[in-house]
């Protein structure tokens, strides 16, 4: 059973916590990361780029000049891709870039990344992140006191904590249901509240 340090919001160590072996103590499966991250990044593409082809450009279909005798190249109407304001040859059209990855693969990759963070002491548990109002200074001081270069902070719905992280370039808040592989690997440390840890263990063990 892996153990991690538990901190308060001032960055002081107040104890430790035992995590689930099934979620935070599995063997390395980093060979899955590429497939899952590629799917995440492709899903972000809107795929809305669109150009007008020759048949879609508005204009006359009349041939511009006779076929022979002018000394110029043979050319049809003004909608040819060879002319300005003509159609675009082989231009982009709206498409869905997303690719499907099995849920079991995504879940296993996420558990592997979390387990890797635990092995390298890159995962902290925050005892509580309850805040009466947003305080960016509190989060900045927490990162400084724990010697954290950049952190992904995970909690259940916590608007004050979310607003506190918003203006920090080296911190990102994410709700526990949105926890994903890309963000876990992007930041130097992952900071998860006790309540979020219990939620993650229930979700990933099921």
Protein backbone atom coordinates (compact mmCIF):
# COMPACT_ATOMS: atom_id res chain seq x y z
CA UNK A 1 0.00 0.00 0.00
CA UNK A 2 1.58 3.31 -1.05
CA UNK A 3 1.84 6.13 1.49
CA UNK A 4 1.88 9.84 0.64
CA UNK A 5 2.36 12.98 2.69
CA UNK A 6 -0.68 14.99 3.79
CA UNK A 7 -0.36 18.79 3.92
CA UNK A 8 -2.52 21.63 5.12
CA UNK A 9 -3.22 24.71 3.01
CA UNK A 10 -0.18 26.48 4.52
CA UNK A 11 2.13 23.79 3.12
CA UNK A 12 2.88 22.15 6.46
CA UNK A 13 3.08 18.38 6.63
CA UNK A 14 0.47 17.12 9.10
CA UNK A 15 0.62 13.38 8.49
CA UNK A 16 0.42 10.73 5.84
CA UNK A 17 -2.24 8.71 4.07
CA UNK A 18 -2.43 5.18 2.70
CA UNK A 19 -3.72 4.94 -0.85
CA UNK A 20 -5.35 2.11 -2.74
CA UNK A 21 -2.98 -0.33 -4.42
CA UNK A 22 -5.44 -0.83 -7.29
CA UNK A 23 -5.31 2.84 -8.27
CA UNK A 24 -2.08 4.35 -6.95
CA UNK A 25 0.16 1.30 -6.79
CA UNK A 26 -0.02 -0.48 -10.14
CA UNK A 27 2.96 -1.28 -12.35
CA UNK A 28 4.17 1.08 -15.06
CA UNK A 29 2.06 1.07 -18.22
CA UNK A 30 3.60 4.07 -19.92
CA UNK A 31 3.35 2.38 -23.32
CA UNK A 32 -0.33 3.37 -23.26
CA UNK A 33 0.32 7.09 -22.84
CA UNK A 34 0.93 7.94 -26.48
CA UNK A 35 -2.35 6.47 -27.69
CA UNK A 36 -4.43 8.13 -24.98
CA UNK A 37 -2.79 11.56 -25.22
CA UNK A 38 -3.07 11.53 -29.01
CA UNK A 39 -6.80 10.86 -28.67
CA UNK A 40 -7.14 13.71 -26.14
CA UNK A 41 -5.36 16.22 -28.35
CA UNK A 42 -7.26 15.18 -31.48
CA UNK A 43 -10.55 15.56 -29.60
CA UNK A 44 -9.69 19.23 -29.03
CA UNK A 45 -9.54 19.96 -32.75
CA UNK A 46 -12.72 21.63 -33.91
CA UNK A 47 -12.39 20.42 -37.46
CA UNK A 48 -14.34 23.41 -38.78
CA UNK A 49 -11.81 24.58 -41.42
CA UNK A 50 -13.60 24.83 -44.76
CA UNK A 51 -12.83 26.16 -48.22
CA UNK A 52 -14.90 26.50 -51.38
CA UNK A 53 -14.13 24.17 -54.23
CA UNK A 54 -14.45 24.97 -57.91
CA UNK A 55 -18.08 23.89 -58.04
CA UNK A 56 -18.99 25.97 -54.94
CA UNK A 57 -17.57 29.36 -55.91
CA UNK A 58 -20.14 31.88 -57.11
CA UNK A 59 -19.63 33.19 -60.60
CA UNK A 60 -20.25 32.67 -64.28
CA UNK A 61 -19.61 29.33 -65.87
CA UNK A 62 -18.79 31.00 -69.16
CA UNK A 63 -15.51 30.15 -70.82
CA UNK A 64 -13.32 33.25 -70.64
CA UNK A 65 -11.91 33.15 -74.15
CA UNK A 66 -11.85 30.84 -77.13
CA UNK A 67 -9.91 27.62 -77.03
CA UNK A 68 -7.45 28.35 -79.83
CA UNK A 69 -5.85 31.26 -81.56
CA UNK A 70 -5.08 33.56 -78.62
CA UNK A 71 -1.64 32.21 -77.77
CA UNK A 72 -2.69 31.71 -74.15
CA UNK A 73 -3.21 28.59 -72.13
CA UNK A 74 -6.50 26.76 -72.53
CA UNK A 75 -8.73 27.86 -69.68
CA UNK A 76 -12.33 27.45 -68.70
CA UNK A 77 -14.35 29.76 -66.46
CA UNK A 78 -13.16 32.15 -63.75
CA UNK A 79 -13.77 29.61 -60.98
CA UNK A 80 -10.65 27.63 -61.81
CA UNK A 81 -8.17 27.19 -58.92
CA UNK A 82 -5.50 28.79 -61.13
CA UNK A 83 -7.08 32.23 -60.76
CA UNK A 84 -7.50 34.58 -57.83
CA UNK A 85 -10.95 34.26 -56.26
CA UNK A 86 -11.31 30.88 -57.87
CA UNK A 87 -12.00 27.64 -56.05
CA UNK A 88 -9.45 25.92 -53.85
CA UNK A 89 -8.01 22.66 -55.07
CA UNK A 90 -7.94 19.92 -52.41
CA UNK A 91 -8.75 22.42 -49.64
CA UNK A 92 -9.86 21.41 -46.13
CA UNK A 93 -13.45 20.45 -45.38
CA UNK A 94 -15.15 20.03 -41.98
CA UNK A 95 -14.27 16.69 -40.43
CA UNK A 96 -14.28 14.90 -37.10
CA UNK A 97 -10.69 14.35 -35.95
CA UNK A 98 -11.55 12.33 -32.85
CA UNK A 99 -10.37 8.76 -32.45
CA UNK A 100 -11.81 6.18 -30.11
CA UNK A 101 -9.80 4.62 -27.31
CA UNK A 102 -11.31 1.86 -25.13
CA UNK A 103 -12.41 3.05 -21.69
CA UNK A 104 -10.32 0.32 -20.04
CA UNK A 105 -7.20 1.60 -21.80
CA UNK A 106 -7.83 5.22 -20.71
CA UNK A 107 -8.52 4.13 -17.14
CA UNK A 108 -5.41 1.95 -16.99
CA UNK A 109 -3.22 4.72 -18.43
CA UNK A 110 -4.54 7.21 -15.85
CA UNK A 111 -3.94 4.77 -12.97
CA UNK A 112 -0.42 4.14 -14.27
CA UNK A 113 0.32 7.88 -14.37
CA UNK A 114 -1.01 8.41 -10.84
CA UNK A 115 1.02 5.44 -9.59
CA UNK A 116 4.11 6.88 -11.26
CA UNK A 117 3.58 10.19 -9.48
CA UNK A 118 3.37 8.36 -6.17
CA UNK A 119 6.60 6.42 -6.85
CA UNK A 120 8.51 9.60 -7.65
CA UNK A 121 7.04 11.52 -4.69
CA UNK A 122 5.18 13.79 -7.05
CA UNK A 123 1.73 13.37 -5.50
CA UNK A 124 0.58 15.23 -2.40
CA UNK A 125 -2.66 14.96 -0.50
CA UNK A 126 -4.22 18.19 0.74
CA UNK A 127 -6.13 17.70 3.97
CA UNK A 128 -8.71 20.32 3.06
CA UNK A 129 -9.02 23.09 0.50
CA UNK A 130 -11.99 24.85 2.05
CA UNK A 131 -11.74 28.61 1.45
CA UNK A 132 -14.23 31.32 2.35
CA UNK A 133 -13.17 33.42 -0.62
CA UNK A 134 -10.63 33.19 -3.47
CA UNK A 135 -7.05 33.78 -2.28
CA UNK A 136 -4.40 33.49 -4.97
CA UNK A 137 -1.68 34.31 -2.43
CA UNK A 138 -2.62 31.24 -0.38
CA UNK A 139 -2.05 28.89 -3.30
CA UNK A 140 1.16 30.66 -4.33
CA UNK A 141 2.48 30.32 -0.76
CA UNK A 142 1.49 26.63 -0.69
CA UNK A 143 3.49 25.96 -3.86
CA UNK A 144 6.46 27.88 -2.47
CA UNK A 145 6.39 26.16 0.92
CA UNK A 146 6.25 22.70 -0.66
CA UNK A 147 8.94 23.56 -3.23
CA UNK A 148 6.58 22.84 -6.12
CA UNK A 149 7.48 24.25 -9.54
CA UNK A 150 4.07 23.55 -11.08
CA UNK A 151 1.02 21.72 -9.80
CA UNK A 152 -2.25 20.22 -10.91
CA UNK A 153 -4.71 20.76 -8.06
CA UNK A 154 -7.64 18.35 -7.94
CA UNK A 155 -10.75 18.71 -5.81
CA UNK A 156 -14.49 18.27 -6.00
CA UNK A 157 -16.49 21.38 -6.88
CA UNK A 158 -14.64 24.26 -5.23
CA UNK A 159 -15.21 27.63 -6.88
CA UNK A 160 -13.00 29.56 -4.48
CA UNK A 161 -10.05 27.23 -5.09
CA UNK A 162 -10.64 27.36 -8.84
CA UNK A 163 -10.54 31.17 -8.84
CA UNK A 164 -7.47 31.16 -6.60
CA UNK A 165 -5.52 29.13 -9.17
CA UNK A 166 -6.75 31.00 -12.22
CA UNK A 167 -4.09 33.73 -12.25
CA UNK A 168 -1.15 31.45 -11.44
CA UNK A 169 0.85 30.37 -14.51
CA UNK A 170 2.25 27.33 -12.72
CA UNK A 171 -0.97 25.95 -11.22
CA UNK A 172 -4.16 24.55 -12.65
CA UNK A 173 -7.35 23.55 -10.87
CA UNK A 174 -9.41 20.70 -12.22
CA UNK A 175 -12.51 19.04 -10.83
CA UNK A 176 -12.07 15.41 -9.94
CA UNK A 177 -14.45 14.22 -12.66
CA UNK A 178 -12.26 15.94 -15.26
CA UNK A 179 -9.00 14.30 -14.16
CA UNK A 180 -7.11 13.22 -17.27
CA UNK A 181 -3.79 11.74 -18.33
CA UNK A 182 -2.50 14.81 -20.20
CA UNK A 183 -2.72 17.13 -17.20
CA UNK A 184 -1.34 14.53 -14.76
CA UNK A 185 1.80 14.19 -16.91
CA UNK A 186 2.10 17.90 -17.75
CA UNK A 187 2.63 19.25 -14.24
CA UNK A 188 5.52 18.48 -11.88
CA UNK A 189 3.23 17.55 -9.01
CA UNK A 190 -0.34 16.49 -8.50
CA UNK A 191 -2.09 17.84 -5.38
CA UNK A 192 -5.33 16.05 -4.50
CA UNK A 193 -7.63 16.71 -1.57
CA UNK A 194 -8.69 13.86 0.72
CA UNK A 195 -12.23 14.00 -0.58
CA UNK A 196 -11.04 13.85 -4.18
CA UNK A 197 -8.79 10.85 -3.42
CA UNK A 198 -11.78 8.90 -2.13
CA UNK A 199 -13.76 9.87 -5.23
CA UNK A 200 -10.94 8.78 -7.56
CA UNK A 201 -10.53 5.44 -5.82
CA UNK A 202 -14.24 4.70 -6.05
CA UNK A 203 -14.37 5.69 -9.71
CA UNK A 204 -11.25 3.90 -10.96
CA UNK A 205 -11.81 0.73 -8.95
CA UNK A 206 -15.33 0.22 -10.30
